[in-house]
N, C-alpha and C. Protein backbone atom coordinates (compact mmCIF):
# COMPACT_ATOMS: atom_id res chain seq x y z
N UNK A 1 126.30 94.33 131.40
CA UNK A 1 126.17 95.19 130.20
C UNK A 1 125.37 94.46 129.13
N UNK A 2 124.37 95.12 128.60
CA UNK A 2 123.51 94.51 127.59
C UNK A 2 124.22 94.41 126.25
N UNK A 3 123.98 93.33 125.53
CA UNK A 3 124.52 93.18 124.19
C UNK A 3 123.80 94.14 123.25
N UNK A 4 124.51 94.60 122.22
CA UNK A 4 123.89 95.48 121.23
C UNK A 4 122.89 94.72 120.38
N UNK A 5 122.93 93.39 120.48
CA UNK A 5 122.02 92.59 119.66
C UNK A 5 120.66 92.41 120.35
N UNK A 6 120.67 92.37 121.69
CA UNK A 6 119.43 92.09 122.40
C UNK A 6 118.52 93.29 122.42
N UNK A 7 117.25 93.02 122.73
CA UNK A 7 116.22 94.06 122.75
C UNK A 7 116.48 95.05 123.87
N UNK A 8 116.33 96.32 123.57
CA UNK A 8 116.49 97.37 124.55
C UNK A 8 115.11 97.96 124.83
N UNK A 9 114.58 97.76 126.03
CA UNK A 9 113.25 98.24 126.36
C UNK A 9 113.17 99.76 126.30
N UNK A 10 114.27 100.43 126.62
CA UNK A 10 114.24 101.89 126.60
C UNK A 10 114.06 102.43 125.20
N UNK A 11 114.56 101.71 124.20
CA UNK A 11 114.46 102.18 122.82
C UNK A 11 113.09 101.88 122.24
N UNK A 12 112.51 100.74 122.62
CA UNK A 12 111.21 100.36 122.06
C UNK A 12 110.07 100.63 123.04
N UNK A 13 110.25 101.57 123.95
CA UNK A 13 109.21 101.93 124.89
C UNK A 13 108.00 102.43 124.13
N UNK A 14 106.85 101.81 124.34
CA UNK A 14 105.65 102.17 123.61
C UNK A 14 105.25 103.61 123.82
N UNK A 15 105.64 104.23 124.96
CA UNK A 15 105.28 105.62 125.21
C UNK A 15 106.00 106.58 124.31
N UNK A 16 107.05 106.09 123.64
CA UNK A 16 107.83 106.97 122.76
C UNK A 16 107.19 107.09 121.39
N UNK A 17 106.18 106.24 121.09
CA UNK A 17 105.60 106.21 119.76
C UNK A 17 104.23 106.86 119.78
N UNK A 18 104.03 107.88 118.98
CA UNK A 18 102.75 108.55 118.86
C UNK A 18 101.95 107.89 117.77
N UNK A 19 101.06 106.97 118.14
CA UNK A 19 100.32 106.20 117.15
C UNK A 19 99.31 107.05 116.40
N UNK A 20 99.04 108.25 116.88
CA UNK A 20 98.05 109.12 116.22
C UNK A 20 98.67 110.06 115.21
N UNK A 21 99.98 109.98 115.05
CA UNK A 21 100.64 110.93 114.16
C UNK A 21 101.75 110.22 113.40
N UNK A 22 101.51 109.96 112.13
CA UNK A 22 102.50 109.24 111.31
C UNK A 22 103.79 110.03 111.14
N UNK A 23 103.72 111.35 111.31
CA UNK A 23 104.91 112.17 111.10
C UNK A 23 105.94 111.94 112.21
N UNK A 24 105.52 111.32 113.32
CA UNK A 24 106.45 111.06 114.41
C UNK A 24 107.15 109.72 114.27
N UNK A 25 106.87 108.98 113.16
CA UNK A 25 107.41 107.64 113.00
C UNK A 25 108.93 107.62 113.01
N UNK A 26 109.53 108.49 112.20
CA UNK A 26 110.99 108.49 112.12
C UNK A 26 111.62 108.88 113.46
N UNK A 27 110.97 109.79 114.17
CA UNK A 27 111.51 110.22 115.46
C UNK A 27 111.46 109.09 116.48
N UNK A 28 110.51 108.18 116.33
CA UNK A 28 110.34 107.09 117.28
C UNK A 28 111.20 105.87 116.96
N UNK A 29 111.77 105.83 115.76
CA UNK A 29 112.58 104.67 115.38
C UNK A 29 113.89 104.65 116.16
N UNK A 30 114.40 103.44 116.45
CA UNK A 30 115.69 103.33 117.13
C UNK A 30 116.77 104.07 116.38
N UNK A 31 117.63 104.74 117.12
CA UNK A 31 118.66 105.59 116.52
C UNK A 31 119.88 104.77 116.09
N UNK A 32 120.60 105.24 115.05
CA UNK A 32 121.84 104.58 114.63
C UNK A 32 122.81 104.47 115.81
N UNK A 33 123.50 103.35 115.88
CA UNK A 33 124.46 103.17 116.96
C UNK A 33 123.87 102.47 118.16
N UNK A 34 122.55 102.31 118.19
CA UNK A 34 121.89 101.64 119.30
C UNK A 34 121.90 100.13 119.11
N UNK A 35 121.25 99.40 120.06
CA UNK A 35 121.17 97.94 119.94
C UNK A 35 120.56 97.53 118.59
N UNK A 36 121.08 96.48 118.00
CA UNK A 36 120.67 96.11 116.65
C UNK A 36 119.32 95.41 116.59
N UNK A 37 118.98 94.63 117.60
CA UNK A 37 117.72 93.87 117.56
C UNK A 37 116.50 94.77 117.42
N UNK A 38 116.34 95.81 118.25
CA UNK A 38 115.16 96.66 118.09
C UNK A 38 115.17 97.44 116.78
N UNK A 39 116.34 97.78 116.28
CA UNK A 39 116.42 98.47 114.99
C UNK A 39 115.98 97.54 113.86
N UNK A 40 116.35 96.29 113.98
CA UNK A 40 115.95 95.30 112.98
C UNK A 40 114.44 95.07 113.03
N UNK A 41 113.89 95.01 114.24
CA UNK A 41 112.44 94.85 114.39
C UNK A 41 111.71 96.04 113.75
N UNK A 42 112.25 97.23 113.94
CA UNK A 42 111.61 98.44 113.42
C UNK A 42 111.60 98.44 111.89
N UNK A 43 112.69 98.04 111.27
CA UNK A 43 112.76 98.05 109.81
C UNK A 43 111.87 96.96 109.23
N UNK A 44 111.75 95.84 109.93
CA UNK A 44 110.83 94.78 109.47
C UNK A 44 109.39 95.30 109.47
N UNK A 45 109.03 96.06 110.48
CA UNK A 45 107.68 96.62 110.55
C UNK A 45 107.44 97.60 109.40
N UNK A 46 108.45 98.39 109.07
CA UNK A 46 108.30 99.34 107.96
C UNK A 46 108.17 98.61 106.63
N UNK A 47 108.91 97.53 106.48
CA UNK A 47 108.80 96.73 105.25
C UNK A 47 107.40 96.13 105.14
N UNK A 48 106.85 95.66 106.27
CA UNK A 48 105.52 95.06 106.25
C UNK A 48 104.46 96.08 105.85
N UNK A 49 104.63 97.32 106.27
CA UNK A 49 103.70 98.39 105.89
C UNK A 49 103.69 98.56 104.37
N UNK A 50 104.87 98.49 103.75
CA UNK A 50 104.95 98.64 102.30
C UNK A 50 104.36 97.43 101.59
N UNK A 51 104.52 96.24 102.15
CA UNK A 51 103.92 95.04 101.57
C UNK A 51 102.40 95.17 101.58
N UNK A 52 101.86 95.64 102.70
CA UNK A 52 100.40 95.82 102.79
C UNK A 52 99.92 96.82 101.76
N UNK A 53 100.67 97.89 101.56
CA UNK A 53 100.30 98.91 100.58
C UNK A 53 100.35 98.34 99.17
N UNK A 54 101.38 97.56 98.87
CA UNK A 54 101.52 96.95 97.55
C UNK A 54 100.36 95.99 97.27
N UNK A 55 99.98 95.21 98.26
CA UNK A 55 98.87 94.27 98.08
C UNK A 55 97.56 95.02 97.85
N UNK A 56 97.40 96.16 98.53
CA UNK A 56 96.21 96.98 98.33
C UNK A 56 96.16 97.52 96.90
N UNK A 57 97.29 98.03 96.44
CA UNK A 57 97.37 98.55 95.07
C UNK A 57 97.13 97.45 94.05
N UNK A 58 97.67 96.28 94.33
CA UNK A 58 97.48 95.15 93.41
C UNK A 58 96.01 94.79 93.28
N UNK A 59 95.28 94.78 94.38
CA UNK A 59 93.85 94.47 94.35
C UNK A 59 93.09 95.49 93.52
N UNK A 60 93.45 96.76 93.67
CA UNK A 60 92.80 97.83 92.91
C UNK A 60 93.05 97.67 91.42
N UNK A 61 94.31 97.41 91.07
CA UNK A 61 94.67 97.31 89.65
C UNK A 61 94.18 96.00 89.03
N UNK A 62 93.95 94.99 89.85
CA UNK A 62 93.39 93.75 89.32
C UNK A 62 91.95 93.98 88.86
N UNK A 63 91.20 94.79 89.62
CA UNK A 63 89.84 95.14 89.21
C UNK A 63 89.86 95.94 87.91
N UNK A 64 90.83 96.85 87.81
CA UNK A 64 90.96 97.64 86.59
C UNK A 64 91.31 96.75 85.41
N UNK A 65 92.17 95.77 85.65
CA UNK A 65 92.56 94.82 84.61
C UNK A 65 91.34 94.08 84.08
N UNK A 66 90.49 93.62 85.00
CA UNK A 66 89.27 92.91 84.60
C UNK A 66 88.34 93.81 83.78
N UNK A 67 88.29 95.08 84.16
CA UNK A 67 87.43 96.03 83.45
C UNK A 67 87.93 96.25 82.03
N UNK A 68 89.23 96.44 81.88
CA UNK A 68 89.80 96.65 80.56
C UNK A 68 89.62 95.40 79.70
N UNK A 69 89.84 94.23 80.30
CA UNK A 69 89.72 92.97 79.57
C UNK A 69 88.28 92.78 79.07
N UNK A 70 87.31 93.14 79.90
CA UNK A 70 85.91 93.03 79.48
C UNK A 70 85.60 93.92 78.30
N UNK A 71 86.11 95.15 78.33
CA UNK A 71 85.91 96.07 77.22
C UNK A 71 86.59 95.56 75.95
N UNK A 72 87.76 94.95 76.13
CA UNK A 72 88.50 94.43 74.99
C UNK A 72 87.73 93.29 74.32
N UNK A 73 87.15 92.40 75.13
CA UNK A 73 86.38 91.29 74.57
C UNK A 73 85.19 91.80 73.76
N UNK A 74 84.50 92.83 74.30
CA UNK A 74 83.36 93.41 73.59
C UNK A 74 83.82 94.03 72.27
N UNK A 75 84.93 94.76 72.33
CA UNK A 75 85.45 95.43 71.15
C UNK A 75 85.84 94.43 70.06
N UNK A 76 86.45 93.31 70.48
CA UNK A 76 86.83 92.27 69.51
C UNK A 76 85.59 91.65 68.88
N UNK A 77 84.59 91.39 69.70
CA UNK A 77 83.34 90.80 69.17
C UNK A 77 82.63 91.74 68.21
N UNK A 78 82.83 93.03 68.41
CA UNK A 78 82.22 94.02 67.52
C UNK A 78 83.10 94.33 66.32
N UNK A 79 84.24 93.64 66.22
CA UNK A 79 85.18 93.84 65.11
C UNK A 79 85.67 95.28 65.00
N UNK A 80 85.78 95.93 66.16
CA UNK A 80 86.29 97.30 66.20
C UNK A 80 87.81 97.23 66.37
N UNK A 81 88.49 97.08 65.27
CA UNK A 81 89.93 96.83 65.30
C UNK A 81 90.71 97.96 65.95
N UNK A 82 90.40 99.18 65.61
CA UNK A 82 91.15 100.32 66.16
C UNK A 82 90.99 100.41 67.68
N UNK A 83 89.76 100.30 68.12
CA UNK A 83 89.52 100.36 69.57
C UNK A 83 90.14 99.17 70.29
N UNK A 84 90.08 98.02 69.67
CA UNK A 84 90.68 96.81 70.26
C UNK A 84 92.18 96.97 70.43
N UNK A 85 92.82 97.59 69.47
CA UNK A 85 94.27 97.81 69.54
C UNK A 85 94.61 98.74 70.70
N UNK A 86 93.82 99.79 70.86
CA UNK A 86 94.05 100.73 71.97
C UNK A 86 93.85 100.05 73.32
N UNK A 87 92.78 99.27 73.43
CA UNK A 87 92.51 98.57 74.68
C UNK A 87 93.56 97.51 74.98
N UNK A 88 94.06 96.87 73.95
CA UNK A 88 95.11 95.87 74.13
C UNK A 88 96.38 96.50 74.68
N UNK A 89 96.72 97.68 74.17
CA UNK A 89 97.90 98.40 74.66
C UNK A 89 97.69 98.83 76.11
N UNK A 90 96.48 99.28 76.42
CA UNK A 90 96.17 99.70 77.79
C UNK A 90 96.25 98.52 78.75
N UNK A 91 95.78 97.37 78.30
CA UNK A 91 95.84 96.17 79.13
C UNK A 91 97.28 95.72 79.36
N UNK A 92 98.10 95.84 78.33
CA UNK A 92 99.52 95.47 78.46
C UNK A 92 100.21 96.36 79.50
N UNK A 93 99.88 97.66 79.49
CA UNK A 93 100.46 98.56 80.49
C UNK A 93 99.99 98.20 81.90
N UNK A 94 98.71 97.86 82.02
CA UNK A 94 98.17 97.47 83.32
C UNK A 94 98.83 96.19 83.83
N UNK A 95 99.10 95.26 82.92
CA UNK A 95 99.74 94.00 83.32
C UNK A 95 101.19 94.25 83.77
N UNK A 96 101.87 95.18 83.10
CA UNK A 96 103.24 95.50 83.50
C UNK A 96 103.25 96.07 84.92
N UNK A 97 102.29 96.96 85.22
CA UNK A 97 102.21 97.53 86.56
C UNK A 97 101.90 96.45 87.59
N UNK A 98 100.96 95.58 87.26
CA UNK A 98 100.61 94.50 88.18
C UNK A 98 101.82 93.63 88.49
N UNK A 99 102.64 93.38 87.47
CA UNK A 99 103.83 92.55 87.68
C UNK A 99 104.83 93.24 88.61
N UNK A 100 105.01 94.56 88.42
CA UNK A 100 105.92 95.31 89.27
C UNK A 100 105.43 95.30 90.72
N UNK A 101 104.13 95.48 90.91
CA UNK A 101 103.55 95.47 92.26
C UNK A 101 103.74 94.11 92.92
N UNK A 102 103.45 93.05 92.17
CA UNK A 102 103.61 91.70 92.72
C UNK A 102 105.06 91.37 93.01
N UNK A 103 105.94 91.74 92.09
CA UNK A 103 107.37 91.45 92.28
C UNK A 103 107.90 92.16 93.52
N UNK A 104 107.52 93.41 93.69
CA UNK A 104 107.98 94.18 94.86
C UNK A 104 107.46 93.55 96.14
N UNK A 105 106.18 93.14 96.13
CA UNK A 105 105.58 92.54 97.31
C UNK A 105 106.25 91.22 97.68
N UNK A 106 106.43 90.35 96.70
CA UNK A 106 107.04 89.04 96.94
C UNK A 106 108.48 89.18 97.41
N UNK A 107 109.24 90.07 96.76
CA UNK A 107 110.64 90.26 97.14
C UNK A 107 110.77 90.80 98.56
N UNK A 108 109.90 91.73 98.93
CA UNK A 108 109.94 92.28 100.30
C UNK A 108 109.53 91.23 101.33
N UNK A 109 108.59 90.37 100.97
CA UNK A 109 108.21 89.28 101.87
C UNK A 109 109.39 88.33 102.10
N UNK A 110 110.15 88.07 101.04
CA UNK A 110 111.34 87.23 101.18
C UNK A 110 112.37 87.88 102.10
N UNK A 111 112.50 89.23 101.99
CA UNK A 111 113.45 89.94 102.85
C UNK A 111 113.06 89.84 104.31
N UNK A 112 111.77 90.01 104.61
CA UNK A 112 111.32 89.90 106.00
C UNK A 112 111.65 88.52 106.55
N UNK A 113 111.42 87.50 105.74
CA UNK A 113 111.70 86.13 106.17
C UNK A 113 113.18 85.94 106.49
N UNK A 114 114.03 86.49 105.62
CA UNK A 114 115.48 86.35 105.82
C UNK A 114 115.95 87.17 107.02
N UNK A 115 115.40 88.37 107.19
CA UNK A 115 115.78 89.20 108.32
C UNK A 115 115.36 88.56 109.63
N UNK A 116 114.24 87.87 109.62
CA UNK A 116 113.74 87.20 110.82
C UNK A 116 114.61 86.01 111.21
N UNK A 117 115.31 85.45 110.21
CA UNK A 117 116.13 84.26 110.47
C UNK A 117 117.53 84.61 110.97
N UNK A 118 117.91 85.89 110.91
CA UNK A 118 119.26 86.30 111.33
C UNK A 118 119.40 86.12 112.84
N UNK A 119 120.43 85.40 113.27
CA UNK A 119 120.59 85.08 114.68
C UNK A 119 121.88 85.61 115.30
N UNK A 120 122.80 86.09 114.46
CA UNK A 120 124.05 86.63 114.99
C UNK A 120 124.60 87.67 114.02
N UNK A 121 125.68 88.32 114.41
CA UNK A 121 126.24 89.39 113.60
C UNK A 121 126.66 88.92 112.21
N UNK A 122 127.34 87.76 112.16
CA UNK A 122 127.82 87.26 110.88
C UNK A 122 126.67 86.96 109.93
N UNK A 123 125.64 86.30 110.44
CA UNK A 123 124.48 85.97 109.61
C UNK A 123 123.75 87.23 109.19
N UNK A 124 123.70 88.22 110.08
CA UNK A 124 123.03 89.48 109.78
C UNK A 124 123.72 90.22 108.64
N UNK A 125 125.03 90.25 108.65
CA UNK A 125 125.78 90.90 107.58
C UNK A 125 125.52 90.21 106.24
N UNK A 126 125.51 88.87 106.26
CA UNK A 126 125.27 88.10 105.04
C UNK A 126 123.87 88.38 104.48
N UNK A 127 122.89 88.54 105.37
CA UNK A 127 121.51 88.79 104.95
C UNK A 127 121.31 90.22 104.49
N UNK A 128 121.86 91.17 105.25
CA UNK A 128 121.60 92.58 104.98
C UNK A 128 122.27 93.10 103.71
N UNK A 129 123.43 92.58 103.37
CA UNK A 129 124.16 93.06 102.20
C UNK A 129 123.33 92.95 100.92
N UNK A 130 122.80 91.77 100.59
CA UNK A 130 121.95 91.68 99.40
C UNK A 130 120.59 92.35 99.62
N UNK A 131 120.12 92.42 100.86
CA UNK A 131 118.83 93.05 101.14
C UNK A 131 118.83 94.51 100.69
N UNK A 132 119.92 95.19 100.95
CA UNK A 132 120.04 96.59 100.53
C UNK A 132 119.97 96.72 99.02
N UNK A 133 120.65 95.82 98.31
CA UNK A 133 120.65 95.85 96.85
C UNK A 133 119.26 95.56 96.31
N UNK A 134 118.53 94.65 96.95
CA UNK A 134 117.18 94.32 96.52
C UNK A 134 116.26 95.52 96.68
N UNK A 135 116.34 96.19 97.84
CA UNK A 135 115.49 97.35 98.10
C UNK A 135 115.76 98.47 97.10
N UNK A 136 117.04 98.72 96.81
CA UNK A 136 117.39 99.76 95.85
C UNK A 136 116.86 99.42 94.45
N UNK A 137 116.95 98.14 94.08
CA UNK A 137 116.44 97.70 92.79
C UNK A 137 114.93 97.90 92.71
N UNK A 138 114.23 97.50 93.76
CA UNK A 138 112.77 97.64 93.79
C UNK A 138 112.37 99.12 93.76
N UNK A 139 113.14 99.92 94.46
CA UNK A 139 112.84 101.36 94.51
C UNK A 139 112.89 101.99 93.13
N UNK A 140 113.92 101.66 92.36
CA UNK A 140 114.05 102.22 91.02
C UNK A 140 113.00 101.66 90.07
N UNK A 141 112.55 100.42 90.33
CA UNK A 141 111.57 99.79 89.44
C UNK A 141 110.16 100.30 89.67
N UNK A 142 109.81 100.53 90.93
CA UNK A 142 108.42 100.86 91.24
C UNK A 142 108.14 102.35 91.29
N UNK A 143 109.17 103.17 91.52
CA UNK A 143 108.96 104.62 91.63
C UNK A 143 108.26 105.23 90.41
N UNK A 144 108.60 104.83 89.16
CA UNK A 144 107.89 105.41 88.01
C UNK A 144 106.38 105.14 88.03
N UNK A 145 105.97 104.07 88.72
CA UNK A 145 104.55 103.71 88.78
C UNK A 145 103.87 104.21 90.06
N UNK A 146 104.59 104.12 91.18
CA UNK A 146 104.04 104.52 92.49
C UNK A 146 105.06 105.43 93.16
N UNK A 147 104.97 106.72 92.87
CA UNK A 147 105.97 107.67 93.35
C UNK A 147 106.02 107.76 94.87
N UNK A 148 104.88 107.52 95.53
CA UNK A 148 104.81 107.65 96.98
C UNK A 148 105.75 106.68 97.70
N UNK A 149 106.14 105.59 97.02
CA UNK A 149 106.98 104.59 97.67
C UNK A 149 108.46 104.90 97.59
N UNK A 150 108.83 105.90 96.80
CA UNK A 150 110.25 106.24 96.66
C UNK A 150 110.84 106.63 98.02
N UNK A 151 110.13 107.52 98.73
CA UNK A 151 110.64 107.97 100.02
C UNK A 151 110.66 106.87 101.06
N UNK A 152 109.60 106.06 101.10
CA UNK A 152 109.51 104.99 102.10
C UNK A 152 110.60 103.94 101.90
N UNK A 153 110.80 103.54 100.65
CA UNK A 153 111.86 102.56 100.38
C UNK A 153 113.23 103.16 100.60
N UNK A 154 113.35 104.48 100.39
CA UNK A 154 114.61 105.16 100.67
C UNK A 154 114.95 105.12 102.15
N UNK A 155 113.94 105.33 102.99
CA UNK A 155 114.14 105.26 104.44
C UNK A 155 114.53 103.85 104.86
N UNK A 156 113.85 102.85 104.30
CA UNK A 156 114.17 101.46 104.61
C UNK A 156 115.61 101.14 104.22
N UNK A 157 116.02 101.62 103.05
CA UNK A 157 117.38 101.39 102.59
C UNK A 157 118.40 102.01 103.54
N UNK A 158 118.12 103.22 104.02
CA UNK A 158 119.03 103.89 104.95
C UNK A 158 119.10 103.15 106.29
N UNK A 159 117.96 102.68 106.77
CA UNK A 159 117.95 101.93 108.03
C UNK A 159 118.74 100.64 107.90
N UNK A 160 118.55 99.92 106.78
CA UNK A 160 119.30 98.69 106.55
C UNK A 160 120.80 98.97 106.47
N UNK A 161 121.15 100.07 105.82
CA UNK A 161 122.56 100.45 105.69
C UNK A 161 123.19 100.70 107.05
N UNK A 162 122.46 101.42 107.91
CA UNK A 162 122.99 101.71 109.25
C UNK A 162 123.19 100.46 110.07
N UNK A 163 122.22 99.54 110.01
CA UNK A 163 122.33 98.28 110.75
C UNK A 163 123.48 97.45 110.21
N UNK A 164 123.62 97.43 108.88
CA UNK A 164 124.68 96.65 108.25
C UNK A 164 126.06 97.13 108.67
N UNK A 165 126.25 98.44 108.64
CA UNK A 165 127.55 99.00 109.02
C UNK A 165 127.88 98.68 110.47
N UNK A 166 126.90 98.87 111.36
CA UNK A 166 127.15 98.61 112.78
C UNK A 166 127.39 97.13 113.05
N UNK A 167 126.62 96.27 112.39
CA UNK A 167 126.80 94.82 112.59
C UNK A 167 128.18 94.39 112.11
N UNK A 168 128.61 94.95 110.98
CA UNK A 168 129.93 94.61 110.46
C UNK A 168 131.05 95.06 111.37
N UNK A 169 130.90 96.27 111.92
CA UNK A 169 131.93 96.81 112.80
C UNK A 169 132.00 96.06 114.12
N UNK A 170 130.82 95.79 114.72
CA UNK A 170 130.79 95.11 116.01
C UNK A 170 131.33 93.68 115.89
N UNK A 171 130.91 93.00 114.83
CA UNK A 171 131.34 91.61 114.66
C UNK A 171 132.67 91.45 113.97
N UNK A 172 133.20 92.56 113.43
CA UNK A 172 134.47 92.49 112.74
C UNK A 172 134.40 91.79 111.40
N UNK A 173 133.24 91.93 110.71
CA UNK A 173 133.04 91.24 109.45
C UNK A 173 133.24 92.20 108.28
N UNK A 174 133.82 91.69 107.21
CA UNK A 174 134.01 92.46 105.98
C UNK A 174 132.85 92.21 105.04
N UNK A 175 132.31 93.28 104.46
CA UNK A 175 131.18 93.17 103.56
C UNK A 175 131.66 92.93 102.13
N UNK A 176 131.25 91.83 101.54
CA UNK A 176 131.62 91.51 100.16
C UNK A 176 130.46 91.94 99.26
N UNK A 177 130.61 93.11 98.64
CA UNK A 177 129.52 93.67 97.85
C UNK A 177 129.30 92.89 96.55
N UNK A 178 130.35 92.31 96.01
CA UNK A 178 130.20 91.53 94.78
C UNK A 178 129.31 90.31 95.04
N UNK A 179 129.59 89.62 96.12
CA UNK A 179 128.77 88.47 96.49
C UNK A 179 127.35 88.90 96.83
N UNK A 180 127.23 90.06 97.49
CA UNK A 180 125.91 90.58 97.87
C UNK A 180 125.06 90.87 96.63
N UNK A 181 125.69 91.47 95.63
CA UNK A 181 124.96 91.78 94.39
C UNK A 181 124.51 90.51 93.67
N UNK A 182 125.38 89.51 93.67
CA UNK A 182 125.02 88.23 93.04
C UNK A 182 123.83 87.60 93.77
N UNK A 183 123.84 87.68 95.09
CA UNK A 183 122.74 87.11 95.88
C UNK A 183 121.46 87.90 95.65
N UNK A 184 121.59 89.22 95.50
CA UNK A 184 120.42 90.06 95.23
C UNK A 184 119.78 89.70 93.89
N UNK A 185 120.61 89.47 92.88
CA UNK A 185 120.11 89.06 91.57
C UNK A 185 119.38 87.72 91.68
N UNK A 186 119.94 86.82 92.47
CA UNK A 186 119.31 85.51 92.65
C UNK A 186 117.95 85.65 93.35
N UNK A 187 117.89 86.50 94.36
CA UNK A 187 116.64 86.70 95.10
C UNK A 187 115.56 87.31 94.20
N UNK A 188 115.95 88.28 93.39
CA UNK A 188 115.00 88.90 92.46
C UNK A 188 114.52 87.86 91.43
N UNK A 189 115.45 87.01 91.00
CA UNK A 189 115.09 85.96 90.04
C UNK A 189 114.09 84.98 90.63
N UNK A 190 114.28 84.59 91.88
CA UNK A 190 113.34 83.70 92.55
C UNK A 190 111.97 84.36 92.68
N UNK A 191 111.97 85.64 93.05
CA UNK A 191 110.71 86.37 93.18
C UNK A 191 110.00 86.47 91.84
N UNK A 192 110.77 86.64 90.76
CA UNK A 192 110.18 86.74 89.41
C UNK A 192 109.48 85.46 89.02
N UNK A 193 110.07 84.32 89.36
CA UNK A 193 109.45 83.04 89.05
C UNK A 193 108.13 82.87 89.80
N UNK A 194 108.11 83.28 91.06
CA UNK A 194 106.89 83.21 91.86
C UNK A 194 105.81 84.11 91.25
N UNK A 195 106.22 85.32 90.84
CA UNK A 195 105.28 86.28 90.27
C UNK A 195 104.71 85.80 88.94
N UNK A 196 105.56 85.24 88.10
CA UNK A 196 105.10 84.72 86.81
C UNK A 196 104.00 83.67 87.01
N UNK A 197 104.17 82.82 88.01
CA UNK A 197 103.17 81.80 88.30
C UNK A 197 101.89 82.43 88.84
N UNK A 198 102.05 83.44 89.70
CA UNK A 198 100.88 84.14 90.25
C UNK A 198 100.07 84.81 89.14
N UNK A 199 100.77 85.41 88.20
CA UNK A 199 100.08 86.10 87.10
C UNK A 199 99.29 85.11 86.26
N UNK A 200 99.87 83.93 86.01
CA UNK A 200 99.16 82.90 85.25
C UNK A 200 97.90 82.46 85.96
N UNK A 201 97.97 82.39 87.29
CA UNK A 201 96.85 81.91 88.08
C UNK A 201 95.77 82.98 88.28
N UNK A 202 96.19 84.24 88.41
CA UNK A 202 95.26 85.30 88.79
C UNK A 202 94.67 86.07 87.61
N UNK A 203 95.36 86.08 86.47
CA UNK A 203 94.91 86.90 85.35
C UNK A 203 94.51 86.03 84.16
N UNK A 204 93.41 86.43 83.52
CA UNK A 204 92.96 85.73 82.32
C UNK A 204 93.91 86.02 81.16
N UNK A 205 94.02 85.05 80.27
CA UNK A 205 94.90 85.22 79.12
C UNK A 205 94.36 86.32 78.21
N UNK A 206 95.29 87.13 77.71
CA UNK A 206 94.90 88.22 76.82
C UNK A 206 94.51 87.64 75.46
N UNK A 207 93.31 87.95 74.98
CA UNK A 207 92.87 87.41 73.69
C UNK A 207 93.68 88.00 72.53
N UNK A 208 93.85 87.20 71.49
CA UNK A 208 94.57 87.68 70.31
C UNK A 208 93.67 88.60 69.50
N UNK A 209 94.26 89.66 68.98
CA UNK A 209 93.49 90.59 68.16
C UNK A 209 93.28 89.99 66.77
N UNK A 210 92.16 90.30 66.15
CA UNK A 210 91.92 89.79 64.79
C UNK A 210 92.96 90.36 63.82
N UNK A 211 93.32 89.54 62.86
CA UNK A 211 94.32 89.96 61.88
C UNK A 211 93.70 91.00 60.95
N UNK A 212 94.42 92.11 60.80
CA UNK A 212 93.94 93.16 59.90
C UNK A 212 94.25 92.74 58.47
N UNK A 213 93.24 92.64 57.61
CA UNK A 213 93.49 92.20 56.22
C UNK A 213 94.40 93.18 55.48
N UNK A 214 95.30 92.60 54.72
CA UNK A 214 96.26 93.41 53.98
C UNK A 214 95.57 93.95 52.70
N UNK A 215 95.62 95.24 52.56
CA UNK A 215 94.98 95.88 51.40
C UNK A 215 96.05 96.17 50.34
N UNK A 216 95.80 95.67 49.16
CA UNK A 216 96.73 95.91 48.05
C UNK A 216 96.21 97.04 47.17
N UNK A 217 97.11 97.91 46.85
CA UNK A 217 96.76 99.05 45.98
C UNK A 217 97.35 98.80 44.60
N UNK A 218 96.52 98.90 43.60
CA UNK A 218 96.98 98.66 42.23
C UNK A 218 97.55 99.94 41.65
């Protein structure tokens, strides 16, 4: 009898996946209650797809950031205070989006690494519990900026939940959600530090706007 942890060739049979039709993706994914290893492999692949999309969006918005910054420098040199203020606000919004994209990408990369290191039921439960909290946090953070990712991250969250429940039941492990949430906060904090350093390295410093002279009325 095969272990529920080992790979099941029947579930990951390449003939079951229609590579020409993305709408068949969910139908081709391993079903709840099946062996955990192929289900874990499937969710890692879905996470990687979102990382690739985030990196693509980041590259696009980095170009936009450079464009806005160039316009801001020209506006400052021309002493156009009103236009400079508007461009500065636009640049700040662009930087906030870039940070969200980078944070989501880095955090998901950390999750893939941790999921890849899981070797047994107990370790899997420990890894998956905070992973779910991280995905939910990222979903709420990025959806206002990239609505298309709400559904994808929702599917990933559901897949992780199903694997977590089955791993806990099979291994007889109790899920400590308080500890999981604390670990999720720690993981997000680590990702934030990485992102802050990336932003310093990848983005030029925002120039200070000229001081508007104070006009006194007699």
